[in-house]
C-alpha atoms as a PDB file:
ATOM      1  CA  UNK A   1     -13.266  18.657 100.192  1.00  0.00           C
ATOM      2  CA  UNK A   2      -9.661  18.942  98.999  1.00  0.00           C
ATOM      3  CA  UNK A   3      -7.773  21.490  96.911  1.00  0.00           C
ATOM      4  CA  UNK A   4      -5.253  21.252  94.097  1.00  0.00           C
ATOM      5  CA  UNK A   5      -3.745  24.655  94.992  1.00  0.00           C
ATOM      6  CA  UNK A   6      -4.282  25.034  98.766  1.00  0.00           C
ATOM      7  CA  UNK A   7      -1.885  28.011  99.097  1.00  0.00           C
ATOM      8  CA  UNK A   8      -4.635  30.289  97.768  1.00  0.00           C
ATOM      9  CA  UNK A   9      -6.573  29.601 100.970  1.00  0.00           C
ATOM     10  CA  UNK A  10      -4.156  31.884 102.851  1.00  0.00           C
ATOM     11  CA  UNK A  11      -6.078  34.792 101.280  1.00  0.00           C
ATOM     12  CA  UNK A  12      -9.015  33.919 103.552  1.00  0.00           C
ATOM     13  CA  UNK A  13      -7.145  35.775 106.308  1.00  0.00           C
ATOM     14  CA  UNK A  14      -7.837  39.024 104.443  1.00  0.00           C
ATOM     15  CA  UNK A  15     -11.623  38.610 104.472  1.00  0.00           C
ATOM     16  CA  UNK A  16     -12.225  40.657 107.703  1.00  0.00           C
ATOM     17  CA  UNK A  17     -11.052  43.754 105.776  1.00  0.00           C
ATOM     18  CA  UNK A  18     -14.282  43.655 103.744  1.00  0.00           C
ATOM     19  CA  UNK A  19     -16.351  43.791 106.940  1.00  0.00           C
ATOM     20  CA  UNK A  20     -14.708  46.863 108.390  1.00  0.00           C
ATOM     21  CA  UNK A  21     -13.926  48.758 105.187  1.00  0.00           C
ATOM     22  CA  UNK A  22     -16.829  50.723 103.752  1.00  0.00           C
ATOM     23  CA  UNK A  23     -17.176  50.135 100.062  1.00  0.00           C
ATOM     24  CA  UNK A  24     -20.010  52.523  99.313  1.00  0.00           C
ATOM     25  CA  UNK A  25     -19.544  55.997  97.940  1.00  0.00           C
ATOM     26  CA  UNK A  26     -19.468  58.632 100.710  1.00  0.00           C
ATOM     27  CA  UNK A  27     -22.179  61.283 100.284  1.00  0.00           C
ATOM     28  CA  UNK A  28     -21.610  64.573 102.159  1.00  0.00           C
ATOM     29  CA  UNK A  29     -24.513  65.969 104.139  1.00  0.00           C
ATOM     30  CA  UNK A  30     -24.734  69.208 106.089  1.00  0.00           C
ATOM     31  CA  UNK A  31     -25.920  67.723 109.352  1.00  0.00           C
ATOM     32  CA  UNK A  32     -25.903  63.978 110.105  1.00  0.00           C
ATOM     33  CA  UNK A  33     -27.900  64.627 113.275  1.00  0.00           C
ATOM     34  CA  UNK A  34     -30.858  65.572 111.112  1.00  0.00           C
ATOM     35  CA  UNK A  35     -30.889  62.157 109.438  1.00  0.00           C
ATOM     36  CA  UNK A  36     -33.435  59.770 110.976  1.00  0.00           C
ATOM     37  CA  UNK A  37     -32.496  56.258 112.028  1.00  0.00           C
ATOM     38  CA  UNK A  38     -32.991  53.872 109.086  1.00  0.00           C
ATOM     39  CA  UNK A  39     -33.006  50.218 110.161  1.00  0.00           C
ATOM     40  CA  UNK A  40     -33.576  48.957 106.609  1.00  0.00           C
ATOM     41  CA  UNK A  41     -30.484  50.795 105.357  1.00  0.00           C
ATOM     42  CA  UNK A  42     -28.389  49.291 108.153  1.00  0.00           C
ATOM     43  CA  UNK A  43     -29.616  45.792 107.277  1.00  0.00           C
ATOM     44  CA  UNK A  44     -28.855  46.408 103.589  1.00  0.00           C
ATOM     45  CA  UNK A  45     -25.399  47.707 104.534  1.00  0.00           C
ATOM     46  CA  UNK A  46     -24.592  44.526 106.460  1.00  0.00           C
ATOM     47  CA  UNK A  47     -26.109  42.458 103.661  1.00  0.00           C
ATOM     48  CA  UNK A  48     -23.847  44.088 101.074  1.00  0.00           C
ATOM     49  CA  UNK A  49     -20.814  43.337 103.229  1.00  0.00           C
ATOM     50  CA  UNK A  50     -21.832  39.690 103.481  1.00  0.00           C
ATOM     51  CA  UNK A  51     -22.263  39.473  99.704  1.00  0.00           C
ATOM     52  CA  UNK A  52     -18.783  40.954  99.186  1.00  0.00           C
ATOM     53  CA  UNK A  53     -17.242  38.492 101.655  1.00  0.00           C
ATOM     54  CA  UNK A  54     -19.102  35.604  99.984  1.00  0.00           C
ATOM     55  CA  UNK A  55     -17.839  36.702  96.563  1.00  0.00           C
ATOM     56  CA  UNK A  56     -14.265  37.003  97.805  1.00  0.00           C
ATOM     57  CA  UNK A  57     -14.486  33.564  99.446  1.00  0.00           C
ATOM     58  CA  UNK A  58     -15.911  32.030  96.279  1.00  0.00           C
ATOM     59  CA  UNK A  59     -13.107  33.532  94.162  1.00  0.00           C
ATOM     60  CA  UNK A  60     -10.476  32.232  96.579  1.00  0.00           C
ATOM     61  CA  UNK A  61     -11.980  28.735  96.501  1.00  0.00           C
ATOM     62  CA  UNK A  62     -12.157  28.850  92.689  1.00  0.00           C
ATOM     63  CA  UNK A  63      -8.454  29.724  92.541  1.00  0.00           C
ATOM     64  CA  UNK A  64      -7.653  26.844  94.909  1.00  0.00           C
ATOM     65  CA  UNK A  65      -9.367  24.347  92.514  1.00  0.00           C
ATOM     66  CA  UNK A  66     -11.573  22.483  95.018  1.00  0.00           C
ATOM     67  CA  UNK A  67     -12.806  18.915  94.513  1.00  0.00           C
ATOM     68  CA  UNK A  68     -14.573  16.153  96.395  1.00  0.00           C
ATOM     69  CA  UNK A  69     -12.393  13.096  96.867  1.00  0.00           C
ATOM     70  CA  UNK A  70     -13.266   9.697  95.441  1.00  0.00           C
ATOM     71  CA  UNK A  71     -15.152   7.740  98.081  1.00  0.00           C
ATOM     72  CA  UNK A  72     -17.009   4.512  98.714  1.00  0.00           C
ATOM     73  CA  UNK A  73     -20.679   4.660  99.650  1.00  0.00           C
ATOM     74  CA  UNK A  74     -22.578   1.722 101.108  1.00  0.00           C
ATOM     75  CA  UNK A  75     -25.931   1.172  99.448  1.00  0.00           C
ATOM     76  CA  UNK A  76     -28.717  -1.375  99.645  1.00  0.00           C
ATOM     77  CA  UNK A  77     -30.150  -3.087  96.593  1.00  0.00           C
ATOM     78  CA  UNK A  78     -30.992  -6.530  95.298  1.00  0.00           C
ATOM     79  CA  UNK A  79     -28.607  -9.061  93.869  1.00  0.00           C
ATOM     80  CA  UNK A  80     -25.791 -11.382  94.919  1.00  0.00           C
ATOM     81  CA  UNK A  81     -22.067 -11.971  95.122  1.00  0.00           C
ATOM     82  CA  UNK A  82     -21.399 -14.334  92.239  1.00  0.00           C
ATOM     83  CA  UNK A  83     -18.339 -16.346  91.285  1.00  0.00           C
ATOM     84  CA  UNK A  84     -18.419 -17.398  87.636  1.00  0.00           C
ATOM     85  CA  UNK A  85     -16.703 -20.783  87.417  1.00  0.00           C
ATOM     86  CA  UNK A  86     -16.165 -21.478  83.729  1.00  0.00           C
ATOM     87  CA  UNK A  87     -15.007 -24.779  82.236  1.00  0.00           C
ATOM     88  CA  UNK A  88     -12.184 -24.254  79.715  1.00  0.00           C
ATOM     89  CA  UNK A  89     -11.447 -27.902  78.935  1.00  0.00           C
ATOM     90  CA  UNK A  90     -11.033 -29.084  75.353  1.00  0.00           C
ATOM     91  CA  UNK A  91     -14.565 -30.495  75.211  1.00  0.00           C
ATOM     92  CA  UNK A  92     -15.946 -26.937  75.497  1.00  0.00           C
ATOM     93  CA  UNK A  93     -14.713 -26.401  71.910  1.00  0.00           C
ATOM     94  CA  UNK A  94     -17.448 -28.774  70.751  1.00  0.00           C
ATOM     95  CA  UNK A  95     -20.992 -27.765  69.865  1.00  0.00           C
ATOM     96  CA  UNK A  96     -24.023 -29.294  71.535  1.00  0.00           C
ATOM     97  CA  UNK A  97     -23.998 -32.252  69.140  1.00  0.00           C
ATOM     98  CA  UNK A  98     -20.469 -33.221  70.139  1.00  0.00           C
ATOM     99  CA  UNK A  99     -18.814 -31.938  66.962  1.00  0.00           C
ATOM    100  CA  UNK A 100     -15.440 -30.310  67.608  1.00  0.00           C
ATOM    101  CA  UNK A 101     -15.163 -26.718  66.347  1.00  0.00           C
ATOM    102  CA  UNK A 102     -12.569 -23.968  66.216  1.00  0.00           C
ATOM    103  CA  UNK A 103     -11.879 -21.861  69.289  1.00  0.00           C
ATOM    104  CA  UNK A 104     -13.625 -18.783  67.830  1.00  0.00           C
ATOM    105  CA  UNK A 105     -16.647 -20.571  66.424  1.00  0.00           C
ATOM    106  CA  UNK A 106     -19.868 -18.925  67.554  1.00  0.00           C
ATOM    107  CA  UNK A 107     -21.533 -22.346  67.805  1.00  0.00           C
ATOM    108  CA  UNK A 108     -19.175 -23.903  70.355  1.00  0.00           C
ATOM    109  CA  UNK A 109     -20.342 -24.402  73.919  1.00  0.00           C
ATOM    110  CA  UNK A 110     -17.576 -22.100  75.103  1.00  0.00           C
ATOM    111  CA  UNK A 111     -18.707 -19.283  72.803  1.00  0.00           C
ATOM    112  CA  UNK A 112     -22.354 -19.681  73.815  1.00  0.00           C
ATOM    113  CA  UNK A 113     -21.380 -19.663  77.490  1.00  0.00           C
ATOM    114  CA  UNK A 114     -19.415 -16.428  77.067  1.00  0.00           C
ATOM    115  CA  UNK A 115     -22.242 -14.769  75.149  1.00  0.00           C
ATOM    116  CA  UNK A 116     -24.932 -15.644  77.690  1.00  0.00           C
ATOM    117  CA  UNK A 117     -22.756 -14.855  80.714  1.00  0.00           C
ATOM    118  CA  UNK A 118     -21.947 -11.503  79.110  1.00  0.00           C
ATOM    119  CA  UNK A 119     -25.665 -10.706  78.880  1.00  0.00           C
ATOM    120  CA  UNK A 120     -26.241 -12.047  82.404  1.00  0.00           C
ATOM    121  CA  UNK A 121     -23.639  -9.686  83.904  1.00  0.00           C
ATOM    122  CA  UNK A 122     -25.094  -6.712  82.025  1.00  0.00           C
ATOM    123  CA  UNK A 123     -28.521  -7.360  83.543  1.00  0.00           C
ATOM    124  CA  UNK A 124     -27.225  -7.683  87.126  1.00  0.00           C
ATOM    125  CA  UNK A 125     -26.686  -4.034  87.997  1.00  0.00           C
ATOM    126  CA  UNK A 126     -25.715  -4.354  91.669  1.00  0.00           C
ATOM    127  CA  UNK A 127     -24.071  -7.786  91.753  1.00  0.00           C
ATOM    128  CA  UNK A 128     -20.428  -8.308  92.584  1.00  0.00           C
ATOM    129  CA  UNK A 129     -18.695 -10.774  90.277  1.00  0.00           C
ATOM    130  CA  UNK A 130     -15.532 -12.835  90.427  1.00  0.00           C
ATOM    131  CA  UNK A 131     -14.293 -15.241  87.796  1.00  0.00           C
ATOM    132  CA  UNK A 132     -12.321 -18.469  87.763  1.00  0.00           C
ATOM    133  CA  UNK A 133     -11.697 -20.668  84.752  1.00  0.00           C
ATOM    134  CA  UNK A 134     -10.490 -24.232  84.985  1.00  0.00           C
ATOM    135  CA  UNK A 135      -9.390 -27.219  82.956  1.00  0.00           C
ATOM    136  CA  UNK A 136      -6.518 -29.316  84.261  1.00  0.00           C
ATOM    137  CA  UNK A 137      -5.828 -26.528  86.800  1.00  0.00           C
ATOM    138  CA  UNK A 138      -7.767 -23.440  87.924  1.00  0.00           C
ATOM    139  CA  UNK A 139      -6.913 -19.955  86.664  1.00  0.00           C
ATOM    140  CA  UNK A 140      -7.514 -16.950  88.911  1.00  0.00           C
ATOM    141  CA  UNK A 141      -9.118 -14.430  86.538  1.00  0.00           C
ATOM    142  CA  UNK A 142     -10.803 -11.723  88.615  1.00  0.00           C
ATOM    143  CA  UNK A 143     -11.604 -11.113  92.331  1.00  0.00           C
ATOM    144  CA  UNK A 144     -15.029 -10.023  93.548  1.00  0.00           C
ATOM    145  CA  UNK A 145     -15.631  -6.604  92.050  1.00  0.00           C
ATOM    146  CA  UNK A 146     -18.450  -4.211  91.227  1.00  0.00           C
ATOM    147  CA  UNK A 147     -16.578  -3.119  88.082  1.00  0.00           C
ATOM    148  CA  UNK A 148     -18.805  -4.776  85.478  1.00  0.00           C
ATOM    149  CA  UNK A 149     -16.672  -3.532  82.591  1.00  0.00           C
ATOM    150  CA  UNK A 150     -13.745  -5.506  83.987  1.00  0.00           C
ATOM    151  CA  UNK A 151     -15.963  -8.574  84.385  1.00  0.00           C
ATOM    152  CA  UNK A 152     -17.228  -8.326  80.805  1.00  0.00           C
ATOM    153  CA  UNK A 153     -13.672  -7.944  79.541  1.00  0.00           C
ATOM    154  CA  UNK A 154     -12.615 -11.020  81.545  1.00  0.00           C
ATOM    155  CA  UNK A 155     -15.445 -13.060  80.012  1.00  0.00           C
ATOM    156  CA  UNK A 156     -14.512 -11.924  76.516  1.00  0.00           C
ATOM    157  CA  UNK A 157     -10.838 -12.699  77.157  1.00  0.00           C
ATOM    158  CA  UNK A 158     -11.652 -16.333  77.958  1.00  0.00           C
ATOM    159  CA  UNK A 159     -12.289 -17.013  74.282  1.00  0.00           C
ATOM    160  CA  UNK A 160      -9.023 -18.801  73.553  1.00  0.00           C
ATOM    161  CA  UNK A 161      -9.149 -22.473  72.621  1.00  0.00           C
ATOM    162  CA  UNK A 162      -9.919 -24.749  75.556  1.00  0.00           C
ATOM    163  CA  UNK A 163      -7.493 -27.501  76.416  1.00  0.00           C
ATOM    164  CA  UNK A 164      -6.953 -30.280  78.907  1.00  0.00           C
ATOM    165  CA  UNK A 165      -9.326 -32.274  81.082  1.00  0.00           C
ATOM    166  CA  UNK A 166     -12.142 -31.154  83.358  1.00  0.00           C
ATOM    167  CA  UNK A 167     -10.595 -30.978  86.842  1.00  0.00           C
ATOM    168  CA  UNK A 168     -13.340 -29.219  88.752  1.00  0.00           C
ATOM    169  CA  UNK A 169     -12.284 -29.580  92.414  1.00  0.00           C
ATOM    170  CA  UNK A 170      -9.429 -26.994  92.428  1.00  0.00           C
ATOM    171  CA  UNK A 171     -11.688 -24.526  90.642  1.00  0.00           C
ATOM    172  CA  UNK A 172     -14.390 -24.965  93.282  1.00  0.00           C
ATOM    173  CA  UNK A 173     -11.817 -24.481  96.036  1.00  0.00           C
ATOM    174  CA  UNK A 174     -10.544 -21.264  94.452  1.00  0.00           C
ATOM    175  CA  UNK A 175     -14.095 -19.974  93.985  1.00  0.00           C
ATOM    176  CA  UNK A 176     -14.961 -20.647  97.631  1.00  0.00           C
ATOM    177  CA  UNK A 177     -11.805 -18.887  98.774  1.00  0.00           C
ATOM    178  CA  UNK A 178     -13.246 -15.563  97.550  1.00  0.00           C
ATOM    179  CA  UNK A 179     -15.767 -15.732 100.416  1.00  0.00           C
ATOM    180  CA  UNK A 180     -13.535 -17.093 103.179  1.00  0.00           C
ATOM    181  CA  UNK A 181     -13.378 -14.698 106.134  1.00  0.00           C
ATOM    182  CA  UNK A 182     -15.582 -12.080 104.427  1.00  0.00           C
ATOM    183  CA  UNK A 183     -18.637 -10.543 106.184  1.00  0.00           C
ATOM    184  CA  UNK A 184     -21.950 -11.931 104.982  1.00  0.00           C
ATOM    185  CA  UNK A 185     -23.779  -9.020 103.286  1.00  0.00           C
ATOM    186  CA  UNK A 186     -26.010 -10.821 100.776  1.00  0.00           C
ATOM    187  CA  UNK A 187     -26.559 -13.950  98.721  1.00  0.00           C
ATOM    188  CA  UNK A 188     -23.417 -15.822  97.726  1.00  0.00           C
ATOM    189  CA  UNK A 189     -23.373 -18.163  94.794  1.00  0.00           C
ATOM    190  CA  UNK A 190     -21.009 -20.095  92.585  1.00  0.00           C
ATOM    191  CA  UNK A 191     -22.328 -20.369  89.048  1.00  0.00           C
ATOM    192  CA  UNK A 192     -20.623 -23.404  87.535  1.00  0.00           C
ATOM    193  CA  UNK A 193     -20.780 -23.726  83.750  1.00  0.00           C
ATOM    194  CA  UNK A 194     -19.338 -27.044  82.594  1.00  0.00           C
ATOM    195  CA  UNK A 195     -19.996 -29.850  80.144  1.00  0.00           C
ATOM    196  CA  UNK A 196     -18.476 -32.596  82.249  1.00  0.00           C
ATOM    197  CA  UNK A 197     -16.835 -33.606  85.478  1.00  0.00           C
ATOM    198  CA  UNK A 198     -14.032 -35.698  86.912  1.00  0.00           C
ATOM    199  CA  UNK A 199     -13.736 -37.855  90.003  1.00  0.00           C
ATOM    200  CA  UNK A 200     -13.023 -36.007  93.276  1.00  0.00           C
ATOM    201  CA  UNK A 201     -11.163 -37.943  95.939  1.00  0.00           C
ATOM    202  CA  UNK A 202     -12.774 -38.402  99.339  1.00  0.00           C
ATOM    203  CA  UNK A 203     -10.425 -36.106 101.259  1.00  0.00           C
ATOM    204  CA  UNK A 204     -11.035 -33.247  98.832  1.00  0.00           C
ATOM    205  CA  UNK A 205     -14.793 -33.881  98.977  1.00  0.00           C
ATOM    206  CA  UNK A 206     -14.806 -33.378 102.734  1.00  0.00           C
ATOM    207  CA  UNK A 207     -12.757 -30.191 102.520  1.00  0.00           C
ATOM    208  CA  UNK A 208     -15.048 -28.701  99.867  1.00  0.00           C
ATOM    209  CA  UNK A 209     -18.129 -29.726 101.854  1.00  0.00           C
ATOM    210  CA  UNK A 210     -16.747 -27.956 104.925  1.00  0.00           C
ATOM    211  CA  UNK A 211     -15.874 -24.801 102.959  1.00  0.00           C
ATOM    212  CA  UNK A 212     -19.349 -24.646 101.411  1.00  0.00           C
ATOM    213  CA  UNK A 213     -20.984 -24.850 104.831  1.00  0.00           C
ATOM    214  CA  UNK A 214     -18.629 -22.316 106.445  1.00  0.00           C
ATOM    215  CA  UNK A 215     -19.050 -19.730 103.703  1.00  0.00           C
ATOM    216  CA  UNK A 216     -22.796 -20.379 103.172  1.00  0.00           C
ATOM    217  CA  UNK A 217     -22.436 -20.358  99.404  1.00  0.00           C
ATOM    218  CA  UNK A 218     -25.184 -21.583  97.073  1.00  0.00           C
ATOM    219  CA  UNK A 219     -24.186 -23.658  94.066  1.00  0.00           C
ATOM    220  CA  UNK A 220     -25.768 -23.694  90.631  1.00  0.00           C
ATOM    221  CA  UNK A 221     -24.474 -26.029  87.956  1.00  0.00           C
ATOM    222  CA  UNK A 222     -25.359 -25.406  84.326  1.00  0.00           C
ATOM    223  CA  UNK A 223     -24.478 -28.748  82.791  1.00  0.00           C
ATOM    224  CA  UNK A 224     -23.950 -28.434  79.026  1.00  0.00           C
ATOM    225  CA  UNK A 225     -24.992 -31.929  78.051  1.00  0.00           C
ATOM    226  CA  UNK A 226     -24.426 -33.620  74.705  1.00  0.00           C
ATOM    227  CA  UNK A 227     -27.344 -35.760  73.516  1.00  0.00           C
ATOM    228  CA  UNK A 228     -25.223 -38.890  74.009  1.00  0.00           C
ATOM    229  CA  UNK A 229     -24.256 -38.013  77.598  1.00  0.00           C
ATOM    230  CA  UNK A 230     -26.060 -39.473  80.599  1.00  0.00           C
ATOM    231  CA  UNK A 231     -28.600 -37.368  82.465  1.00  0.00           C
ATOM    232  CA  UNK A 232     -27.745 -36.193  85.962  1.00  0.00           C
ATOM    233  CA  UNK A 233     -30.963 -37.499  87.482  1.00  0.00           C
ATOM    234  CA  UNK A 234     -30.898 -40.957  85.927  1.00  0.00           C
ATOM    235  CA  UNK A 235     -28.750 -43.606  87.550  1.00  0.00           C
ATOM    236  CA  UNK A 236     -26.591 -45.297  84.890  1.00  0.00           C
ATOM    237  CA  UNK A 237     -27.154 -48.973  84.131  1.00  0.00           C
ATOM    238  CA  UNK A 238     -23.545 -49.680  85.023  1.00  0.00           C
ATOM    239  CA  UNK A 239     -22.689 -46.982  87.569  1.00  0.00           C
ATOM    240  CA  UNK A 240     -18.985 -46.242  87.560  1.00  0.00           C
ATOM    241  CA  UNK A 241     -17.498 -42.978  88.722  1.00  0.00           C
ATOM    242  CA  UNK A 242     -14.743 -43.118  86.136  1.00  0.00           C
ATOM    243  CA  UNK A 243     -17.166 -43.466  83.186  1.00  0.00           C
ATOM    244  CA  UNK A 244     -20.157 -41.455  84.446  1.00  0.00           C
ATOM    245  CA  UNK A 245     -18.627 -38.857  86.811  1.00  0.00           C
ATOM    246  CA  UNK A 246     -21.375 -36.278  86.184  1.00  0.00           C
ATOM    247  CA  UNK A 247     -24.033 -38.428  87.854  1.00  0.00           C
ATOM    248  CA  UNK A 248     -21.874 -38.988  90.941  1.00  0.00           C
ATOM    249  CA  UNK A 249     -20.839 -35.334  91.097  1.00  0.00           C
ATOM    250  CA  UNK A 250     -24.483 -34.310  91.071  1.00  0.00           C
ATOM    251  CA  UNK A 251     -25.131 -36.752  93.934  1.00  0.00           C
ATOM    252  CA  UNK A 252     -22.220 -35.243  95.848  1.00  0.00           C
ATOM    253  CA  UNK A 253     -23.439 -31.672  95.290  1.00  0.00           C
ATOM    254  CA  UNK A 254     -26.862 -32.679  96.610  1.00  0.00           C
ATOM    255  CA  UNK A 255     -25.210 -33.908  99.809  1.00  0.00           C
ATOM    256  CA  UNK A 256     -23.423 -30.618 100.576  1.00  0.00           C
ATOM    257  CA  UNK A 257     -26.292 -29.333 102.753  1.00  0.00           C
ATOM    258  CA  UNK A 258     -26.249 -25.960 100.975  1.00  0.00           C
ATOM    259  CA  UNK A 259     -28.697 -24.597  98.385  1.00  0.00           C
ATOM    260  CA  UNK A 260     -27.924 -26.414  95.149  1.00  0.00           C
ATOM    261  CA  UNK A 261     -29.602 -26.809  91.809  1.00  0.00           C
ATOM    262  CA  UNK A 262     -28.468 -28.358  88.540  1.00  0.00           C
ATOM    263  CA  UNK A 263     -29.703 -27.318  85.096  1.00  0.00           C
ATOM    264  CA  UNK A 264     -29.224 -29.598  82.117  1.00  0.00           C
ATOM    265  CA  UNK A 265     -28.785 -27.608  78.916  1.00  0.00           C
ATOM    266  CA  UNK A 266     -28.800 -29.561  75.663  1.00  0.00           C
ATOM    267  CA  UNK A 267     -28.817 -26.499  73.376  1.00  0.00           C
ATOM    268  CA  UNK A 268     -28.225 -22.735  73.535  1.00  0.00           C
ATOM    269  CA  UNK A 269     -31.896 -21.995  74.283  1.00  0.00           C
ATOM    270  CA  UNK A 270     -31.877 -24.367  77.257  1.00  0.00           C
ATOM    271  CA  UNK A 271     -28.710 -22.747  78.542  1.00  0.00           C
ATOM    272  CA  UNK A 272     -30.267 -19.290  78.266  1.00  0.00           C
ATOM    273  CA  UNK A 273     -33.355 -20.476  80.175  1.00  0.00           C
ATOM    274  CA  UNK A 274     -31.108 -21.910  82.888  1.00  0.00           C
ATOM    275  CA  UNK A 275     -29.255 -18.614  83.360  1.00  0.00           C
ATOM    276  CA  UNK A 276     -32.557 -16.723  83.488  1.00  0.00           C
ATOM    277  CA  UNK A 277     -33.792 -19.134  86.157  1.00  0.00           C
ATOM    278  CA  UNK A 278     -30.687 -18.492  88.251  1.00  0.00           C
ATOM    279  CA  UNK A 279     -31.317 -14.777  87.818  1.00  0.00           C
ATOM    280  CA  UNK A 280     -34.819 -15.140  89.277  1.00  0.00           C
ATOM    281  CA  UNK A 281     -33.668 -17.272  92.196  1.00  0.00           C
ATOM    282  CA  UNK A 282     -30.834 -15.000  93.277  1.00  0.00           C
ATOM    283  CA  UNK A 283     -32.414 -11.574  93.571  1.00  0.00           C
ATOM    284  CA  UNK A 284     -32.351 -11.054  97.330  1.00  0.00           C
ATOM    285  CA  UNK A 285     -31.584  -7.903  99.414  1.00  0.00           C
ATOM    286  CA  UNK A 286     -27.901  -7.025  99.125  1.00  0.00           C
ATOM    287  CA  UNK A 287     -25.571  -4.537 100.775  1.00  0.00           C
ATOM    288  CA  UNK A 288     -23.002  -3.311  98.311  1.00  0.00           C
ATOM    289  CA  UNK A 289     -20.383  -0.573  98.098  1.00  0.00           C
ATOM    290  CA  UNK A 290     -20.434   1.876  95.225  1.00  0.00           C
ATOM    291  CA  UNK A 291     -17.456   3.988  94.201  1.00  0.00           C
ATOM    292  CA  UNK A 292     -18.329   7.668  93.832  1.00  0.00           C
ATOM    293  CA  UNK A 293     -15.685   9.216  91.548  1.00  0.00           C
ATOM    294  CA  UNK A 294     -13.800  12.415  92.309  1.00  0.00           C
ATOM    295  CA  UNK A 295     -15.899  15.491  91.571  1.00  0.00           C
ATOM    296  CA  UNK A 296     -14.385  18.830  90.500  1.00  0.00           C
ATOM    297  CA  UNK A 297     -16.090  21.809  92.190  1.00  0.00           C
ATOM    298  CA  UNK A 298     -14.234  24.612  90.370  1.00  0.00           C
ATOM    299  CA  UNK A 299     -17.073  25.273  87.929  1.00  0.00           C
ATOM    300  CA  UNK A 300     -19.587  25.400  90.790  1.00  0.00           C
ATOM    301  CA  UNK A 301     -17.692  28.125  92.657  1.00  0.00           C
ATOM    302  CA  UNK A 302     -16.941  29.948  89.404  1.00  0.00           C
ATOM    303  CA  UNK A 303     -20.659  30.052  88.670  1.00  0.00           C
ATOM    304  CA  UNK A 304     -21.392  31.202  92.221  1.00  0.00           C
ATOM    305  CA  UNK A 305     -18.842  34.006  91.807  1.00  0.00           C
ATOM    306  CA  UNK A 306     -20.560  35.105  88.598  1.00  0.00           C
ATOM    307  CA  UNK A 307     -23.969  35.237  90.319  1.00  0.00           C
ATOM    308  CA  UNK A 308     -22.604  37.216  93.301  1.00  0.00           C
ATOM    309  CA  UNK A 309     -20.795  39.611  90.958  1.00  0.00           C
ATOM    310  CA  UNK A 310     -24.030  40.230  89.080  1.00  0.00           C
ATOM    311  CA  UNK A 311     -25.802  40.861  92.377  1.00  0.00           C
ATOM    312  CA  UNK A 312     -23.145  43.384  93.441  1.00  0.00           C
ATOM    313  CA  UNK A 313     -23.375  45.112  90.054  1.00  0.00           C
ATOM    314  CA  UNK A 314     -27.126  45.416  90.555  1.00  0.00           C
ATOM    315  CA  UNK A 315     -26.637  46.844  94.042  1.00  0.00           C
ATOM    316  CA  UNK A 316     -24.097  49.339  92.689  1.00  0.00           C
ATOM    317  CA  UNK A 317     -26.589  50.365  90.014  1.00  0.00           C
ATOM    318  CA  UNK A 318     -29.052  51.545  92.675  1.00  0.00           C
ATOM    319  CA  UNK A 319     -26.500  53.069  95.040  1.00  0.00           C
ATOM    320  CA  UNK A 320     -27.342  56.638  96.099  1.00  0.00           C
ATOM    321  CA  UNK A 321     -24.604  59.077  95.109  1.00  0.00           C
ATOM    322  CA  UNK A 322     -26.397  62.420  95.662  1.00  0.00           C
ATOM    323  CA  UNK A 323     -28.867  63.355  98.407  1.00  0.00           C
ATOM    324  CA  UNK A 324     -32.109  64.811  97.245  1.00  0.00           C
ATOM    325  CA  UNK A 325     -34.158  67.133  99.386  1.00  0.00           C
END
């Protein structure tokens, strides 16, 4: 507990006065020796003193404006630590038939991805999210955070027109870096949403493979495929990594020796089903930290003071002021 006006706490030093000073009305009696011992009255007398001290303490604390500090609490739930890796290349401005659309068109692959990821984040109550977008180069958008409002805002802010080529390797490296050196407290995944790929050189492949294994990150690729594009599972008739990079990238991901699954989405419904499938797969026990905001306690102690004052008023109402024989 902390206080906005701690100087009022000095008044606590005056509280012993209420224990030794008699607050009841003195009633004269001809001979105190004739009064019998009354244990109940003595208990009530001490009880009244305690109520007065409690009231004085409550009023002092109210004046000092007490509050509980903001703190982090570790909790256990279900979910994952998820890096959203979103393709922002120019081809994401197309719809699922390959027709190029405006940046704000609700039918573009980029717009559908934002919409479904927005809903995905809203359903994942305890997940931590980070976000990276990429085209020719990766863009650091958001670190791992439990602040879902910030994540939703970051997704919405990625709605500008895509540009450039699909250079996936630097984006993967940046996404993996979020987990480097961090304690393992639950499932870790990279959710890659892309409609294409580019060749990754051998040296970079080995580095990414090593980082995946060291960080123990699962990879899910939602491949937004045009009807004319090759399938990931079917070997092309004329295999060439420069003309069919998606097939070879899928082969590489399968060789990472980490949990990996690819989903081919040829329309918005297929993409939604893919995200729902990821949601089912990654719902494991998770340790997460929750921020408990600062809590003002002034009203609590003010209410307590009111109750104690009412109690004292009731006691005063039944105080004996005249002896009866």
